[in-house]
Every structure is written in structure tokens, then in C-alpha cells.
Amino acid sequence: MHPMSLIDSVRVLGAMARVTASTVVGAVRGDLQREDVDDSARWFGHRVVDLLEVELVVTGAERVPPDRAYIYMSNHQSHLDIPMLYAALPSPTIRMLAKTELFQIPVWGRALKAAEFIEVHRGDKARARESITEAARMIRDGVSIWIAPEGTRSRTGEIGTLKKGGFHLAKDTGAPIVPVGVSGTIDILPRGGKVMQTGRRVEVTIGAPIPVEDRSVDDLAAEVRDFMISCVYR
């Protein structure tokens, strides 16, 4: 374990704590605004890039006009996907679907709820439907949503089977799907890893929005998965 990697990992946790604290304080005071969360999320993304000396290469952002809500769908290599995507994606307001376990972490879970992140209850179909209903409400309110349709982080970087819930959400709301390929975050912090590596290259490739009208869920899922594969295995 390189000592600087450990120090940088602690610094990233410090940045996370700073964002968490400001969000909770704003929620307690009752003056937390959606724009405040947007700014904090962007700051955190760029701060992580700087702290870990990531060579972040973003292509395709110009394909996404920032004038409406989208459903972003990316492959999922690492916990580091989230700050990288906040540093890379063009939409001004993005919230993410996150597993219940993250909402159970003291203070951090409260910050996620205050920031309008959406809790996903795996294995509970009724509560999972509630999560999708909440996501649909936010999309109609102009908020873009990020989903990792694989449902979990890949252990090898290979693209897994895509779950269909996000595609049904797109069909129900009419929100275009923006496919995103993430490559390189697994080299910084693989699943099960404890220490973040520095000086790595991360590529985020953003596809053109995919209209969902007159498209089947299976067809959309196949197109999004093909895009992810083309980004990761090129």
C-alpha cells in the first residue's frame, strides 16, 4: 500500500464529509435549495478528480442539450463512478438512484435524503415501485436521473445484464435516455477495495439522447448495453 494513496483516500473522505455536513446543516436550517446540492455535487466531483490526480477525459457532452430532463444510464465499475459523472455530465441538476444500504449510514443517509437522492429497495417490489414513482415525479420537475442498470458494481469491468426498471421509467415519462460509458474507475477503486489509487486515466463517453417513443424496453436495453460495451472494450 503506497502511503500517498492512503492519504489521498482520507482526503477524498474529508471532501465527502464536507459536502455531507453542509447538506445536513442546510436541511436542519430549512434553507437547503436544489441549486445548493447541484453546486456541492459538482464541487465534490471536481475535488475528487483533483485529489486523486485523475486524467478525466470526457467526450460527447455537446450531444446533450441542457434544456430538459434525461435519464442517464451508465455501466458501474466503482464507487468512484459517481464523482466522475458529476464532474463530467452536462445536465445542471442530476440526482441518482442509490441502494438502501447507503441511506442507512448515519449522517450520510440523512444528507442523501435531504439532497433528493432516491432510495432503491432491492428485493421489495412495492417499495421499489415507490422509488420509480418518486424518480418519475422528479423527472417531470426537470431533474435528470442517473441509473446504473446493471444494479451493482462490476467485479471485472465486464458489462452485466441490464435490469429493466429504468427503461420502464423512461417509457412512462417520455424522458430520453442518455447512454454513458465509464472506463478506468475500476483501476482507482475496484469493488471491495479500500484504498484509492492516484494518477489514473478515466474516460467518460456520453452518447446522444435516445428517444423512447415507439421503442420497446428490450430494444432500448440492447442499444444502451451495446453503447456501454463499445466504450469499455474499444
Protein backbone atom coordinates (compact mmCIF):
# COMPACT_ATOMS: atom_id res chain seq x y z
CA MET A 1 0.00 0.00 0.00
CA HIS A 2 1.52 3.29 -1.06
CA PRO A 3 1.28 5.81 1.83
CA MET A 4 0.26 8.62 -0.51
CA SER A 5 -2.66 6.54 -1.79
CA LEU A 6 -3.87 6.15 1.78
CA ILE A 7 -3.51 9.88 2.44
CA ASP A 8 -5.38 10.73 -0.77
CA SER A 9 -8.15 8.30 0.18
CA VAL A 10 -8.53 10.10 3.52
CA ARG A 11 -8.65 13.44 1.71
CA VAL A 12 -11.47 12.17 -0.50
CA LEU A 13 -13.37 11.06 2.60
CA GLY A 14 -12.79 14.53 4.01
CA ALA A 15 -14.31 16.12 0.91
CA MET A 16 -17.27 13.77 1.25
CA ALA A 17 -17.67 14.77 4.90
CA ARG A 18 -17.61 18.45 3.97
CA VAL A 19 -20.41 18.01 1.41
CA THR A 20 -22.40 15.85 3.83
CA ALA A 21 -22.11 18.36 6.65
CA SER A 22 -23.16 21.34 4.56
CA THR A 23 -26.17 19.44 3.22
CA VAL A 24 -27.33 18.33 6.66
CA VAL A 25 -26.86 21.81 8.10
CA GLY A 26 -28.90 23.31 5.27
CA ALA A 27 -31.63 20.74 5.81
CA VAL A 28 -31.75 21.40 9.55
CA ARG A 29 -31.95 25.17 8.97
CA GLY A 30 -34.67 24.60 6.38
CA ASP A 31 -32.91 26.63 3.69
CA LEU A 32 -31.33 23.88 1.58
CA GLN A 33 -32.02 24.63 -2.08
CA ARG A 34 -31.76 22.27 -5.03
CA GLU A 35 -29.16 24.59 -6.56
CA ASP A 36 -27.03 24.26 -3.41
CA VAL A 37 -26.97 20.50 -3.84
CA ASP A 38 -26.10 20.89 -7.53
CA ASP A 39 -23.14 23.10 -6.64
CA SER A 40 -21.95 20.77 -3.88
CA ALA A 41 -22.16 17.69 -6.10
CA ARG A 42 -20.17 19.37 -8.86
CA TRP A 43 -17.61 20.64 -6.37
CA PHE A 44 -17.21 17.16 -4.92
CA GLY A 45 -16.77 15.59 -8.36
CA HIS A 46 -14.05 18.05 -9.40
CA ARG A 47 -12.42 17.88 -5.97
CA VAL A 48 -12.06 14.10 -6.22
CA VAL A 49 -10.58 14.46 -9.71
CA ASP A 50 -8.01 16.91 -8.34
CA LEU A 51 -7.17 14.99 -5.16
CA LEU A 52 -6.63 11.70 -6.99
CA GLU A 53 -4.86 13.39 -9.92
CA VAL A 54 -7.28 11.73 -12.33
CA GLU A 55 -6.82 12.34 -16.03
CA LEU A 56 -10.52 12.71 -16.76
CA VAL A 57 -11.32 12.54 -20.48
CA VAL A 58 -14.92 13.43 -21.36
CA THR A 59 -16.32 13.08 -24.86
CA GLY A 60 -19.82 13.68 -26.18
CA ALA A 61 -21.13 16.22 -23.65
CA GLU A 62 -22.06 18.52 -26.54
CA ARG A 63 -24.56 15.90 -27.70
CA VAL A 64 -26.86 16.60 -24.75
CA PRO A 65 -28.76 19.93 -24.81
CA PRO A 66 -29.19 21.04 -21.18
CA ASP A 67 -32.78 22.19 -21.69
CA ARG A 68 -34.69 19.18 -20.38
CA ALA A 69 -34.51 16.22 -18.03
CA TYR A 70 -32.87 12.98 -19.12
CA ILE A 71 -32.30 9.53 -17.73
CA TYR A 72 -28.57 8.89 -17.75
CA MET A 73 -27.60 5.22 -17.79
CA SER A 74 -24.00 4.12 -17.33
CA ASN A 75 -22.09 0.98 -16.59
CA HIS A 76 -20.94 0.71 -12.99
CA GLN A 77 -17.28 -0.06 -12.23
CA SER A 78 -16.66 1.62 -8.89
CA HIS A 79 -17.93 3.94 -6.17
CA LEU A 80 -15.74 6.49 -7.95
CA ASP A 81 -18.16 6.49 -10.89
CA ILE A 82 -20.39 8.92 -9.02
CA PRO A 83 -17.94 11.81 -8.52
CA MET A 84 -16.53 11.27 -12.03
CA LEU A 85 -20.01 11.52 -13.52
CA TYR A 86 -20.81 14.65 -11.52
CA ALA A 87 -17.65 16.17 -12.93
CA ALA A 88 -18.48 15.06 -16.46
CA LEU A 89 -22.21 15.07 -17.22
CA PRO A 90 -23.64 18.26 -18.76
CA SER A 91 -27.09 18.49 -17.14
CA PRO A 92 -27.21 21.16 -14.41
CA THR A 93 -29.33 19.09 -11.99
CA ILE A 94 -28.79 15.35 -11.60
CA ARG A 95 -29.91 13.03 -8.84
CA MET A 96 -29.05 9.38 -8.50
CA LEU A 97 -30.82 6.20 -7.51
CA ALA A 98 -28.86 4.61 -4.67
CA LYS A 99 -29.21 1.38 -2.73
CA THR A 100 -30.84 1.32 0.69
CA GLU A 101 -27.56 0.46 2.44
CA LEU A 102 -26.17 3.94 1.67
CA PHE A 103 -29.20 5.58 3.28
CA GLN A 104 -28.60 3.59 6.46
CA ILE A 105 -25.20 5.18 7.08
CA PRO A 106 -25.52 7.71 9.94
CA VAL A 107 -25.47 11.36 8.82
CA TRP A 108 -24.59 10.38 5.22
CA GLY A 109 -28.01 8.78 4.74
CA ARG A 110 -29.73 11.87 6.08
CA ALA A 111 -27.75 14.03 3.66
CA LEU A 112 -28.74 11.82 0.73
CA LYS A 113 -32.42 12.15 1.60
CA ALA A 114 -32.15 15.92 2.06
CA ALA A 115 -30.39 16.19 -1.29
CA GLU A 116 -33.26 14.35 -3.06
CA PHE A 117 -31.35 11.22 -3.90
CA ILE A 118 -33.72 8.32 -4.40
CA GLU A 119 -33.54 5.21 -2.24
CA VAL A 120 -33.88 1.91 -4.09
CA HIS A 121 -35.19 -1.02 -2.06
CA ARG A 122 -33.83 -4.19 -3.58
CA GLY A 123 -35.98 -7.26 -3.03
CA ASP A 124 -39.09 -5.25 -2.04
CA LYS A 125 -41.18 -4.79 -5.15
CA ALA A 126 -43.73 -2.47 -3.57
CA ARG A 127 -41.10 -0.08 -2.23
CA ALA A 128 -39.13 -0.35 -5.47
CA ARG A 129 -42.22 0.87 -7.32
CA GLU A 130 -42.39 3.80 -4.90
CA SER A 131 -38.81 4.67 -5.82
CA ILE A 132 -39.67 4.65 -9.52
CA THR A 133 -42.73 6.83 -8.85
CA GLU A 134 -40.52 9.33 -6.98
CA ALA A 135 -38.00 9.33 -9.84
CA ALA A 136 -40.79 10.00 -12.33
CA ARG A 137 -42.00 12.94 -10.23
CA MET A 138 -38.52 14.45 -10.22
CA ILE A 139 -38.08 13.99 -13.96
CA ARG A 140 -41.34 15.84 -14.54
CA ASP A 141 -39.95 18.57 -12.27
CA GLY A 142 -36.96 18.97 -14.58
CA VAL A 143 -34.44 16.84 -12.68
CA SER A 144 -32.26 14.42 -14.63
CA ILE A 145 -31.81 10.98 -13.09
CA TRP A 146 -28.77 8.69 -13.16
CA ILE A 147 -29.25 4.95 -13.04
CA ALA A 148 -26.78 2.08 -13.15
CA PRO A 149 -28.98 -0.50 -14.87
CA GLU A 150 -26.57 -3.33 -14.06
CA GLY A 151 -27.81 -2.90 -10.50
CA THR A 152 -24.40 -3.33 -8.86
CA ARG A 153 -20.72 -2.67 -9.44
CA SER A 154 -18.88 -4.98 -11.77
CA ARG A 155 -16.05 -7.01 -10.23
CA THR A 156 -14.19 -7.36 -13.53
CA GLY A 157 -15.27 -4.34 -15.58
CA GLU A 158 -17.40 -6.52 -17.84
CA ILE A 159 -20.91 -5.24 -18.63
CA GLY A 160 -23.59 -7.28 -16.91
CA THR A 161 -27.23 -7.82 -17.77
CA LEU A 162 -29.26 -4.60 -17.61
CA LYS A 163 -32.30 -4.50 -15.37
CA LYS A 164 -35.47 -3.16 -16.98
CA GLY A 165 -36.81 -0.75 -14.31
CA GLY A 166 -35.03 2.32 -15.65
CA PHE A 167 -36.22 1.63 -19.17
CA HIS A 168 -39.82 1.40 -17.99
CA LEU A 169 -39.26 4.72 -16.18
CA ALA A 170 -38.10 6.28 -19.45
CA LYS A 171 -41.10 4.91 -21.31
CA ASP A 172 -43.52 6.12 -18.62
CA THR A 173 -42.11 9.66 -18.52
CA GLY A 174 -41.01 10.07 -22.13
CA ALA A 175 -37.57 11.18 -20.92
CA PRO A 176 -34.82 10.41 -23.44
CA ILE A 177 -32.12 8.00 -22.31
CA VAL A 178 -28.53 9.22 -22.45
CA PRO A 179 -26.17 6.22 -22.59
CA VAL A 180 -22.84 6.69 -20.84
CA GLY A 181 -19.73 4.54 -20.86
CA VAL A 182 -17.30 4.76 -17.93
CA SER A 183 -13.85 3.24 -18.19
CA GLY A 184 -10.98 3.39 -15.70
CA THR A 185 -12.64 3.93 -12.32
CA ILE A 186 -12.17 0.25 -11.51
CA ASP A 187 -8.42 0.91 -11.58
CA ILE A 188 -8.81 3.59 -8.91
CA LEU A 189 -11.12 1.73 -6.54
CA PRO A 190 -12.33 -1.75 -7.52
CA ARG A 191 -15.25 -3.36 -5.77
CA GLY A 192 -14.03 -4.49 -2.36
CA GLY A 193 -11.06 -2.11 -2.48
CA LYS A 194 -10.26 0.10 0.49
CA VAL A 195 -7.56 2.45 -0.81
CA MET A 196 -7.90 4.70 -3.85
CA GLN A 197 -5.11 4.78 -6.42
CA THR A 198 -3.89 8.06 -7.88
CA GLY A 199 -2.77 9.23 -11.28
CA ARG A 200 -5.12 7.03 -13.32
CA ARG A 201 -6.99 7.85 -16.53
CA VAL A 202 -10.79 7.78 -16.58
CA GLU A 203 -12.80 8.06 -19.77
CA VAL A 204 -16.46 9.10 -19.75
CA THR A 205 -18.17 8.80 -23.12
CA ILE A 206 -21.60 10.38 -23.44
CA GLY A 207 -23.94 9.26 -26.20
CA ALA A 208 -26.65 11.21 -27.95
CA PRO A 209 -30.07 11.15 -26.23
CA ILE A 210 -32.17 8.19 -27.34
CA PRO A 211 -35.88 8.95 -27.88
CA VAL A 212 -38.02 6.28 -26.23
CA GLU A 213 -41.28 6.74 -28.11
CA ASP A 214 -42.29 3.74 -30.24
CA ARG A 215 -39.38 1.68 -28.86
CA SER A 216 -39.68 -1.50 -26.82
CA VAL A 217 -37.93 -1.85 -23.48
CA ASP A 218 -35.89 -4.77 -24.79
CA ASP A 219 -34.81 -2.79 -27.84
CA LEU A 220 -33.76 0.19 -25.72
CA ALA A 221 -31.87 -2.02 -23.29
CA ALA A 222 -29.99 -3.68 -26.13
CA GLU A 223 -28.98 -0.31 -27.62
CA VAL A 224 -27.77 1.06 -24.28
CA ARG A 225 -25.81 -2.09 -23.48
CA ASP A 226 -24.19 -2.09 -26.92
CA PHE A 227 -23.11 1.53 -26.35
CA MET A 228 -21.56 0.70 -22.99
CA ILE A 229 -19.71 -2.26 -24.44
CA SER A 230 -18.36 -0.14 -27.30
CA CYS A 231 -16.94 2.34 -24.75
CA VAL A 232 -15.39 -0.15 -22.35
CA TYR A 233 -13.96 -2.70 -24.78
CA ARG A 234 -12.61 -0.47 -27.52
